[in-house]
Amino acid sequence: MGSKVQPAEKEQIEKAKEELKTALGGNDTEEIKAKSEALSKALYAVTERIYKETGAQNQQGAGAGQAPGQGGDDTVVDADYTVVDDDEKK
C-alpha cells in the first residue's frame, strides 16, 4: 500500500501521527481522542481512494474478457432425489 499513497496523503498521515504522539505525552483525553480521530480519518481517506481505484481496475479487467457469470457451466446443484424403479410400479 505504501507505493499507492500519494505524497500529500503521506504528509497528512505523518503530521496526524506526530500530533497524536505529542498528545499521548499529556493527560488531556479529549485531545488524545481528537488526534486519534484525525489520524483515523487520514488513513480512511487513503484506503477509500485505493479501494475505489482497485474496484475500477477490476471492472475494466472484467470488461476485457467475459462478463461475470457468462463463463463455463461450473454450477454445482445440491438436490434431493428419489429413485423410482420401474419394476416396483408393476
PDB file of N, CA and C in Angstrom:
ATOM      1  N   MET A   1       0.833  -1.190   0.000  1.00  0.00           N
ATOM      2  CA  MET A   1       0.000   0.000   0.000  1.00  0.00           C
ATOM      3  C   MET A   1       0.874   1.248   0.000  1.00  0.00           C
ATOM      4  N   GLY A   2       2.100   1.143   0.480  1.00  0.00           N
ATOM      5  CA  GLY A   2       2.980   2.296   0.572  1.00  0.00           C
ATOM      6  C   GLY A   2       3.231   2.970  -0.758  1.00  0.00           C
ATOM      7  N   SER A   3       3.352   2.195  -1.830  1.00  0.00           N
ATOM      8  CA  SER A   3       3.615   2.771  -3.141  1.00  0.00           C
ATOM      9  C   SER A   3       2.384   3.449  -3.728  1.00  0.00           C
ATOM     10  N   LYS A   4       1.219   3.156  -3.215  1.00  0.00           N
ATOM     11  CA  LYS A   4      -0.016   3.741  -3.731  1.00  0.00           C
ATOM     12  C   LYS A   4      -0.405   5.014  -2.988  1.00  0.00           C
ATOM     13  N   VAL A   5       0.294   5.325  -1.896  1.00  0.00           N
ATOM     14  CA  VAL A   5      -0.012   6.517  -1.109  1.00  0.00           C
ATOM     15  C   VAL A   5       0.646   7.715  -1.778  1.00  0.00           C
ATOM     16  N   GLN A   6      -0.141   8.737  -2.035  1.00  0.00           N
ATOM     17  CA  GLN A   6       0.371   9.938  -2.670  1.00  0.00           C
ATOM     18  C   GLN A   6       1.150  10.761  -1.642  1.00  0.00           C
ATOM     19  N   PRO A   7       2.135  11.535  -2.091  1.00  0.00           N
ATOM     20  CA  PRO A   7       2.971  12.306  -1.162  1.00  0.00           C
ATOM     21  C   PRO A   7       2.171  13.215  -0.220  1.00  0.00           C
ATOM     22  N   ALA A   8       1.150  13.882  -0.721  1.00  0.00           N
ATOM     23  CA  ALA A   8       0.343  14.765   0.126  1.00  0.00           C
ATOM     24  C   ALA A   8      -0.389  13.964   1.200  1.00  0.00           C
ATOM     25  N   GLU A   9      -0.872  12.784   0.823  1.00  0.00           N
ATOM     26  CA  GLU A   9      -1.565  11.925   1.790  1.00  0.00           C
ATOM     27  C   GLU A   9      -0.595  11.432   2.857  1.00  0.00           C
ATOM     28  N   LYS A  10       0.592  11.053   2.423  1.00  0.00           N
ATOM     29  CA  LYS A  10       1.602  10.571   3.364  1.00  0.00           C
ATOM     30  C   LYS A  10       1.971  11.670   4.353  1.00  0.00           C
ATOM     31  N   GLU A  11       2.119  12.878   3.843  1.00  0.00           N
ATOM     32  CA  GLU A  11       2.457  14.017   4.698  1.00  0.00           C
ATOM     33  C   GLU A  11       1.356  14.261   5.731  1.00  0.00           C
ATOM     34  N   GLN A  12       0.111  14.179   5.297  1.00  0.00           N
ATOM     35  CA  GLN A  12      -1.017  14.391   6.208  1.00  0.00           C
ATOM     36  C   GLN A  12      -1.054  13.307   7.288  1.00  0.00           C
ATOM     37  N   ILE A  13      -0.795  12.063   6.905  1.00  0.00           N
ATOM     38  CA  ILE A  13      -0.794  10.955   7.866  1.00  0.00           C
ATOM     39  C   ILE A  13       0.345  11.121   8.864  1.00  0.00           C
ATOM     40  N   GLU A  14       1.529  11.475   8.366  1.00  0.00           N
ATOM     41  CA  GLU A  14       2.686  11.669   9.250  1.00  0.00           C
ATOM     42  C   GLU A  14       2.427  12.799  10.241  1.00  0.00           C
ATOM     43  N   LYS A  15       1.824  13.882   9.759  1.00  0.00           N
ATOM     44  CA  LYS A  15       1.518  15.016  10.635  1.00  0.00           C
ATOM     45  C   LYS A  15       0.532  14.591  11.720  1.00  0.00           C
ATOM     46  N   ALA A  16      -0.518  13.875  11.321  1.00  0.00           N
ATOM     47  CA  ALA A  16      -1.518  13.416  12.294  1.00  0.00           C
ATOM     48  C   ALA A  16      -0.896  12.450  13.294  1.00  0.00           C
ATOM     49  N   LYS A  17       0.017  11.613  12.827  1.00  0.00           N
ATOM     50  CA  LYS A  17       0.689  10.654  13.712  1.00  0.00           C
ATOM     51  C   LYS A  17       1.540  11.383  14.747  1.00  0.00           C
ATOM     52  N   GLU A  18       2.295  12.382  14.303  1.00  0.00           N
ATOM     53  CA  GLU A  18       3.145  13.142  15.224  1.00  0.00           C
ATOM     54  C   GLU A  18       2.304  13.922  16.233  1.00  0.00           C
ATOM     55  N   GLU A  19       1.189  14.485  15.777  1.00  0.00           N
ATOM     56  CA  GLU A  19       0.301  15.209  16.694  1.00  0.00           C
ATOM     57  C   GLU A  19      -0.284  14.265  17.734  1.00  0.00           C
ATOM     58  N   LEU A  20      -0.608  13.052  17.326  1.00  0.00           N
ATOM     59  CA  LEU A  20      -1.124  12.062  18.274  1.00  0.00           C
ATOM     60  C   LEU A  20      -0.042  11.665  19.272  1.00  0.00           C
ATOM     61  N   LYS A  21       1.193  11.485  18.794  1.00  0.00           N
ATOM     62  CA  LYS A  21       2.299  11.156  19.705  1.00  0.00           C
ATOM     63  C   LYS A  21       2.467  12.239  20.762  1.00  0.00           C
ATOM     64  N   THR A  22       2.404  13.496  20.325  1.00  0.00           N
ATOM     65  CA  THR A  22       2.537  14.617  21.252  1.00  0.00           C
ATOM     66  C   THR A  22       1.396  14.608  22.260  1.00  0.00           C
ATOM     67  N   ALA A  23       0.184  14.374  21.783  1.00  0.00           N
ATOM     68  CA  ALA A  23      -0.987  14.345  22.666  1.00  0.00           C
ATOM     69  C   ALA A  23      -0.893  13.203  23.668  1.00  0.00           C
ATOM     70  N   LEU A  24      -0.339  12.072  23.253  1.00  0.00           N
ATOM     71  CA  LEU A  24      -0.202  10.926  24.156  1.00  0.00           C
ATOM     72  C   LEU A  24       0.765  11.216  25.300  1.00  0.00           C
ATOM     73  N   GLY A  25       1.643  12.184  25.108  1.00  0.00           N
ATOM     74  CA  GLY A  25       2.572  12.581  26.167  1.00  0.00           C
ATOM     75  C   GLY A  25       1.888  13.363  27.276  1.00  0.00           C
ATOM     76  N   GLY A  26       0.720  13.882  27.018  1.00  0.00           N
ATOM     77  CA  GLY A  26      -0.017  14.665  28.008  1.00  0.00           C
ATOM     78  C   GLY A  26      -1.111  13.847  28.667  1.00  0.00           C
ATOM     79  N   ASN A  27      -1.972  14.540  29.397  1.00  0.00           N
ATOM     80  CA  ASN A  27      -3.058  13.882  30.128  1.00  0.00           C
ATOM     81  C   ASN A  27      -4.447  14.282  29.637  1.00  0.00           C
ATOM     82  N   ASP A  28      -4.514  15.053  28.572  1.00  0.00           N
ATOM     83  CA  ASP A  28      -5.800  15.536  28.064  1.00  0.00           C
ATOM     84  C   ASP A  28      -6.438  14.465  27.177  1.00  0.00           C
ATOM     85  N   THR A  29      -7.395  13.746  27.735  1.00  0.00           N
ATOM     86  CA  THR A  29      -8.021  12.643  26.997  1.00  0.00           C
ATOM     87  C   THR A  29      -8.814  13.137  25.786  1.00  0.00           C
ATOM     88  N   GLU A  30      -9.394  14.314  25.885  1.00  0.00           N
ATOM     89  CA  GLU A  30     -10.151  14.857  24.751  1.00  0.00           C
ATOM     90  C   GLU A  30      -9.222  15.159  23.575  1.00  0.00           C
ATOM     91  N   GLU A  31      -8.046  15.693  23.881  1.00  0.00           N
ATOM     92  CA  GLU A  31      -7.084  15.986  22.819  1.00  0.00           C
ATOM     93  C   GLU A  31      -6.580  14.685  22.188  1.00  0.00           C
ATOM     94  N   ILE A  32      -6.312  13.685  23.028  1.00  0.00           N
ATOM     95  CA  ILE A  32      -5.862  12.383  22.519  1.00  0.00           C
ATOM     96  C   ILE A  32      -6.918  11.787  21.601  1.00  0.00           C
ATOM     97  N   LYS A  33      -8.168  11.865  22.042  1.00  0.00           N
ATOM     98  CA  LYS A  33      -9.269  11.326  21.239  1.00  0.00           C
ATOM     99  C   LYS A  33      -9.375  12.067  19.905  1.00  0.00           C
ATOM    100  N   ALA A  34      -9.273  13.392  19.937  1.00  0.00           N
ATOM    101  CA  ALA A  34      -9.383  14.199  18.722  1.00  0.00           C
ATOM    102  C   ALA A  34      -8.239  13.890  17.755  1.00  0.00           C
ATOM    103  N   LYS A  35      -7.026  13.766  18.274  1.00  0.00           N
ATOM    104  CA  LYS A  35      -5.869  13.476  17.417  1.00  0.00           C
ATOM    105  C   LYS A  35      -5.944  12.056  16.858  1.00  0.00           C
ATOM    106  N   SER A  36      -6.462  11.135  17.648  1.00  0.00           N
ATOM    107  CA  SER A  36      -6.640   9.759  17.185  1.00  0.00           C
ATOM    108  C   SER A  36      -7.663   9.706  16.053  1.00  0.00           C
ATOM    109  N   GLU A  37      -8.749  10.447  16.201  1.00  0.00           N
ATOM    110  CA  GLU A  37      -9.772  10.502  15.157  1.00  0.00           C
ATOM    111  C   GLU A  37      -9.223  11.156  13.890  1.00  0.00           C
ATOM    112  N   ALA A  38      -8.385  12.179  14.052  1.00  0.00           N
ATOM    113  CA  ALA A  38      -7.792  12.843  12.889  1.00  0.00           C
ATOM    114  C   ALA A  38      -6.898  11.876  12.116  1.00  0.00           C
ATOM    115  N   LEU A  39      -6.127  11.068  12.840  1.00  0.00           N
ATOM    116  CA  LEU A  39      -5.277  10.072  12.181  1.00  0.00           C
ATOM    117  C   LEU A  39      -6.133   9.017  11.492  1.00  0.00           C
ATOM    118  N   SER A  40      -7.182   8.581  12.156  1.00  0.00           N
ATOM    119  CA  SER A  40      -8.079   7.581  11.559  1.00  0.00           C
ATOM    120  C   SER A  40      -8.711   8.108  10.275  1.00  0.00           C
ATOM    121  N   LYS A  41      -9.136   9.364  10.280  1.00  0.00           N
ATOM    122  CA  LYS A  41      -9.753   9.955   9.091  1.00  0.00           C
ATOM    123  C   LYS A  41      -8.756  10.048   7.940  1.00  0.00           C
ATOM    124  N   ALA A  42      -7.514  10.402   8.258  1.00  0.00           N
ATOM    125  CA  ALA A  42      -6.491  10.499   7.213  1.00  0.00           C
ATOM    126  C   ALA A  42      -6.227   9.126   6.601  1.00  0.00           C
ATOM    127  N   LEU A  43      -6.141   8.114   7.443  1.00  0.00           N
ATOM    128  CA  LEU A  43      -5.923   6.752   6.949  1.00  0.00           C
ATOM    129  C   LEU A  43      -7.133   6.253   6.164  1.00  0.00           C
ATOM    130  N   TYR A  44      -8.327   6.570   6.647  1.00  0.00           N
ATOM    131  CA  TYR A  44      -9.550   6.142   5.966  1.00  0.00           C
ATOM    132  C   TYR A  44      -9.632   6.743   4.565  1.00  0.00           C
ATOM    133  N   ALA A  45      -9.253   8.007   4.441  1.00  0.00           N
ATOM    134  CA  ALA A  45      -9.316   8.666   3.134  1.00  0.00           C
ATOM    135  C   ALA A  45      -8.405   7.960   2.125  1.00  0.00           C
ATOM    136  N   VAL A  46      -7.222   7.552   2.580  1.00  0.00           N
ATOM    137  CA  VAL A  46      -6.284   6.863   1.687  1.00  0.00           C
ATOM    138  C   VAL A  46      -6.819   5.492   1.302  1.00  0.00           C
ATOM    139  N   THR A  47      -7.268   4.728   2.292  1.00  0.00           N
ATOM    140  CA  THR A  47      -7.747   3.375   1.993  1.00  0.00           C
ATOM    141  C   THR A  47      -8.994   3.412   1.119  1.00  0.00           C
ATOM    142  N   GLU A  48      -9.849   4.400   1.323  1.00  0.00           N
ATOM    143  CA  GLU A  48     -11.053   4.524   0.493  1.00  0.00           C
ATOM    144  C   GLU A  48     -10.674   4.803  -0.964  1.00  0.00           C
ATOM    145  N   ARG A  49      -9.720   5.701  -1.169  1.00  0.00           N
ATOM    146  CA  ARG A  49      -9.289   6.026  -2.527  1.00  0.00           C
ATOM    147  C   ARG A  49      -8.675   4.800  -3.199  1.00  0.00           C
ATOM    148  N   ILE A  50      -7.822   4.086  -2.481  1.00  0.00           N
ATOM    149  CA  ILE A  50      -7.180   2.900  -3.051  1.00  0.00           C
ATOM    150  C   ILE A  50      -8.220   1.832  -3.365  1.00  0.00           C
ATOM    151  N   TYR A  51      -9.181   1.658  -2.478  1.00  0.00           N
ATOM    152  CA  TYR A  51     -10.242   0.674  -2.700  1.00  0.00           C
ATOM    153  C   TYR A  51     -11.038   1.007  -3.956  1.00  0.00           C
ATOM    154  N   LYS A  52     -11.378   2.278  -4.118  1.00  0.00           N
ATOM    155  CA  LYS A  52     -12.142   2.691  -5.298  1.00  0.00           C
ATOM    156  C   LYS A  52     -11.333   2.478  -6.575  1.00  0.00           C
ATOM    157  N   GLU A  53     -10.044   2.806  -6.530  1.00  0.00           N
ATOM    158  CA  GLU A  53      -9.193   2.611  -7.710  1.00  0.00           C
ATOM    159  C   GLU A  53      -9.078   1.133  -8.058  1.00  0.00           C
ATOM    160  N   THR A  54      -8.929   0.302  -7.045  1.00  0.00           N
ATOM    161  CA  THR A  54      -8.820  -1.137  -7.268  1.00  0.00           C
ATOM    162  C   THR A  54     -10.117  -1.681  -7.850  1.00  0.00           C
ATOM    163  N   GLY A  55     -11.246  -1.229  -7.356  1.00  0.00           N
ATOM    164  CA  GLY A  55     -12.541  -1.662  -7.878  1.00  0.00           C
ATOM    165  C   GLY A  55     -12.716  -1.262  -9.327  1.00  0.00           C
ATOM    166  N   ALA A  56     -12.282  -0.061  -9.675  1.00  0.00           N
ATOM    167  CA  ALA A  56     -12.397   0.404 -11.058  1.00  0.00           C
ATOM    168  C   ALA A  56     -11.509  -0.431 -11.971  1.00  0.00           C
ATOM    169  N   GLN A  57     -10.317  -0.789 -11.505  1.00  0.00           N
ATOM    170  CA  GLN A  57      -9.416  -1.616 -12.307  1.00  0.00           C
ATOM    171  C   GLN A  57     -10.000  -3.004 -12.506  1.00  0.00           C
ATOM    172  N   ASN A  58     -10.607  -3.556 -11.467  1.00  0.00           N
ATOM    173  CA  ASN A  58     -11.210  -4.884 -11.579  1.00  0.00           C
ATOM    174  C   ASN A  58     -12.365  -4.880 -12.571  1.00  0.00           C
ATOM    175  N   GLN A  59     -13.155  -3.815 -12.589  1.00  0.00           N
ATOM    176  CA  GLN A  59     -14.270  -3.726 -13.527  1.00  0.00           C
ATOM    177  C   GLN A  59     -13.761  -3.613 -14.959  1.00  0.00           C
ATOM    178  N   GLN A  60     -12.683  -2.887 -15.166  1.00  0.00           N
ATOM    179  CA  GLN A  60     -12.115  -2.766 -16.505  1.00  0.00           C
ATOM    180  C   GLN A  60     -11.568  -4.108 -16.960  1.00  0.00           C
ATOM    181  N   GLY A  61     -10.960  -4.849 -16.057  1.00  0.00           N
ATOM    182  CA  GLY A  61     -10.422  -6.165 -16.388  1.00  0.00           C
ATOM    183  C   GLY A  61     -11.525  -7.138 -16.755  1.00  0.00           C
ATOM    184  N   ALA A  62     -12.657  -7.069 -16.091  1.00  0.00           N
ATOM    185  CA  ALA A  62     -13.784  -7.959 -16.384  1.00  0.00           C
ATOM    186  C   ALA A  62     -14.382  -7.626 -17.746  1.00  0.00           C
ATOM    187  N   GLY A  63     -14.344  -6.372 -18.139  1.00  0.00           N
ATOM    188  CA  GLY A  63     -14.901  -5.976 -19.421  1.00  0.00           C
ATOM    189  C   GLY A  63     -14.076  -6.469 -20.595  1.00  0.00           C
ATOM    190  N   ALA A  64     -12.796  -6.721 -20.373  1.00  0.00           N
ATOM    191  CA  ALA A  64     -11.928  -7.173 -21.453  1.00  0.00           C
ATOM    192  C   ALA A  64     -12.236  -8.604 -21.861  1.00  0.00           C
ATOM    193  N   GLY A  65     -12.680  -9.423 -20.939  1.00  0.00           N
ATOM    194  CA  GLY A  65     -12.984 -10.823 -21.238  1.00  0.00           C
ATOM    195  C   GLY A  65     -14.472 -11.058 -21.165  1.00  0.00           C
ATOM    196  N   GLN A  66     -14.836 -12.188 -20.637  1.00  0.00           N
ATOM    197  CA  GLN A  66     -16.251 -12.499 -20.481  1.00  0.00           C
ATOM    198  C   GLN A  66     -16.817 -11.757 -19.279  1.00  0.00           C
ATOM    199  N   ALA A  67     -18.071 -11.469 -19.350  1.00  0.00           N
ATOM    200  CA  ALA A  67     -18.744 -10.846 -18.222  1.00  0.00           C
ATOM    201  C   ALA A  67     -18.881 -11.875 -17.113  1.00  0.00           C
ATOM    202  N   PRO A  68     -18.881 -11.432 -15.863  1.00  0.00           N
ATOM    203  CA  PRO A  68     -19.037 -12.383 -14.767  1.00  0.00           C
ATOM    204  C   PRO A  68     -20.316 -13.193 -14.919  1.00  0.00           C
ATOM    205  N   GLY A  69     -20.218 -14.479 -14.678  1.00  0.00           N
ATOM    206  CA  GLY A  69     -21.387 -15.342 -14.763  1.00  0.00           C
ATOM    207  C   GLY A  69     -21.643 -15.888 -16.153  1.00  0.00           C
ATOM    208  N   GLN A  70     -20.846 -15.472 -17.142  1.00  0.00           N
ATOM    209  CA  GLN A  70     -21.050 -15.959 -18.503  1.00  0.00           C
ATOM    210  C   GLN A  70     -19.977 -16.951 -18.925  1.00  0.00           C
ATOM    211  N   GLY A  71     -19.231 -17.462 -17.969  1.00  0.00           N
ATOM    212  CA  GLY A  71     -18.183 -18.430 -18.269  1.00  0.00           C
ATOM    213  C   GLY A  71     -18.792 -19.792 -18.497  1.00  0.00           C
ATOM    214  N   GLY A  72     -17.971 -20.836 -18.341  1.00  0.00           N
ATOM    215  CA  GLY A  72     -18.456 -22.204 -18.497  1.00  0.00           C
ATOM    216  C   GLY A  72     -19.476 -22.535 -17.428  1.00  0.00           C
ATOM    217  N   ASP A  73     -20.185 -23.641 -17.615  1.00  0.00           N
ATOM    218  CA  ASP A  73     -21.223 -24.043 -16.664  1.00  0.00           C
ATOM    219  C   ASP A  73     -20.577 -24.832 -15.530  1.00  0.00           C
ATOM    220  N   ASP A  74     -20.048 -24.125 -14.536  1.00  0.00           N
ATOM    221  CA  ASP A  74     -19.410 -24.747 -13.386  1.00  0.00           C
ATOM    222  C   ASP A  74     -20.330 -24.746 -12.176  1.00  0.00           C
ATOM    223  N   THR A  75     -21.622 -24.581 -12.400  1.00  0.00           N
ATOM    224  CA  THR A  75     -22.577 -24.503 -11.314  1.00  0.00           C
ATOM    225  C   THR A  75     -22.798 -25.880 -10.704  1.00  0.00           C
ATOM    226  N   VAL A  76     -22.730 -25.942  -9.388  1.00  0.00           N
ATOM    227  CA  VAL A  76     -22.984 -27.182  -8.668  1.00  0.00           C
ATOM    228  C   VAL A  76     -24.342 -27.046  -8.003  1.00  0.00           C
ATOM    229  N   VAL A  77     -25.195 -28.037  -8.210  1.00  0.00           N
ATOM    230  CA  VAL A  77     -26.530 -28.014  -7.626  1.00  0.00           C
ATOM    231  C   VAL A  77     -26.637 -29.165  -6.645  1.00  0.00           C
ATOM    232  N   ASP A  78     -27.014 -28.862  -5.421  1.00  0.00           N
ATOM    233  CA  ASP A  78     -27.224 -29.875  -4.400  1.00  0.00           C
ATOM    234  C   ASP A  78     -28.732 -30.103  -4.305  1.00  0.00           C
ATOM    235  N   ALA A  79     -29.170 -31.326  -4.577  1.00  0.00           N
ATOM    236  CA  ALA A  79     -30.610 -31.590  -4.588  1.00  0.00           C
ATOM    237  C   ALA A  79     -30.895 -32.966  -4.008  1.00  0.00           C
ATOM    238  N   ASP A  80     -32.085 -33.128  -3.466  1.00  0.00           N
ATOM    239  CA  ASP A  80     -32.557 -34.435  -3.004  1.00  0.00           C
ATOM    240  C   ASP A  80     -33.330 -35.090  -4.141  1.00  0.00           C
ATOM    241  N   TYR A  81     -33.254 -36.392  -4.221  1.00  0.00           N
ATOM    242  CA  TYR A  81     -33.985 -37.083  -5.278  1.00  0.00           C
ATOM    243  C   TYR A  81     -34.402 -38.457  -4.781  1.00  0.00           C
ATOM    244  N   THR A  82     -35.368 -39.020  -5.453  1.00  0.00           N
ATOM    245  CA  THR A  82     -35.849 -40.364  -5.145  1.00  0.00           C
ATOM    246  C   THR A  82     -35.734 -41.203  -6.407  1.00  0.00           C
ATOM    247  N   VAL A  83     -35.158 -42.391  -6.264  1.00  0.00           N
ATOM    248  CA  VAL A  83     -35.018 -43.293  -7.398  1.00  0.00           C
ATOM    249  C   VAL A  83     -36.293 -44.115  -7.495  1.00  0.00           C
ATOM    250  N   VAL A  84     -36.932 -44.074  -8.650  1.00  0.00           N
ATOM    251  CA  VAL A  84     -38.147 -44.848  -8.876  1.00  0.00           C
ATOM    252  C   VAL A  84     -37.774 -46.006  -9.793  1.00  0.00           C
ATOM    253  N   ASP A  85     -37.943 -47.204  -9.286  1.00  0.00           N
ATOM    254  CA  ASP A  85     -37.606 -48.397 -10.062  1.00  0.00           C
ATOM    255  C   ASP A  85     -38.843 -48.831 -10.835  1.00  0.00           C
ATOM    256  N   ASP A  86     -38.720 -48.981 -12.137  1.00  0.00           N
ATOM    257  CA  ASP A  86     -39.849 -49.369 -12.981  1.00  0.00           C
ATOM    258  C   ASP A  86     -40.433 -50.722 -12.571  1.00  0.00           C
ATOM    259  N   ASP A  87     -39.629 -51.632 -12.041  1.00  0.00           N
ATOM    260  CA  ASP A  87     -40.110 -52.957 -11.645  1.00  0.00           C
ATOM    261  C   ASP A  87     -41.076 -52.872 -10.464  1.00  0.00           C
ATOM    262  N   GLU A  88     -40.910 -51.882  -9.583  1.00  0.00           N
ATOM    263  CA  GLU A  88     -41.779 -51.764  -8.407  1.00  0.00           C
ATOM    264  C   GLU A  88     -43.168 -51.262  -8.786  1.00  0.00           C
ATOM    265  N   LYS A  89     -43.310 -50.535  -9.879  1.00  0.00           N
ATOM    266  CA  LYS A  89     -44.598 -49.997 -10.296  1.00  0.00           C
ATOM    267  C   LYS A  89     -45.522 -51.089 -10.813  1.00  0.00           C
ATOM    268  N   LYS A  90     -45.010 -52.172 -11.326  1.00  0.00           N
ATOM    269  CA  LYS A  90     -45.827 -53.221 -11.948  1.00  0.00           C
ATOM    270  C   LYS A  90     -46.444 -54.139 -10.973  1.00  0.00           C
TER     271      LYS A  90
END
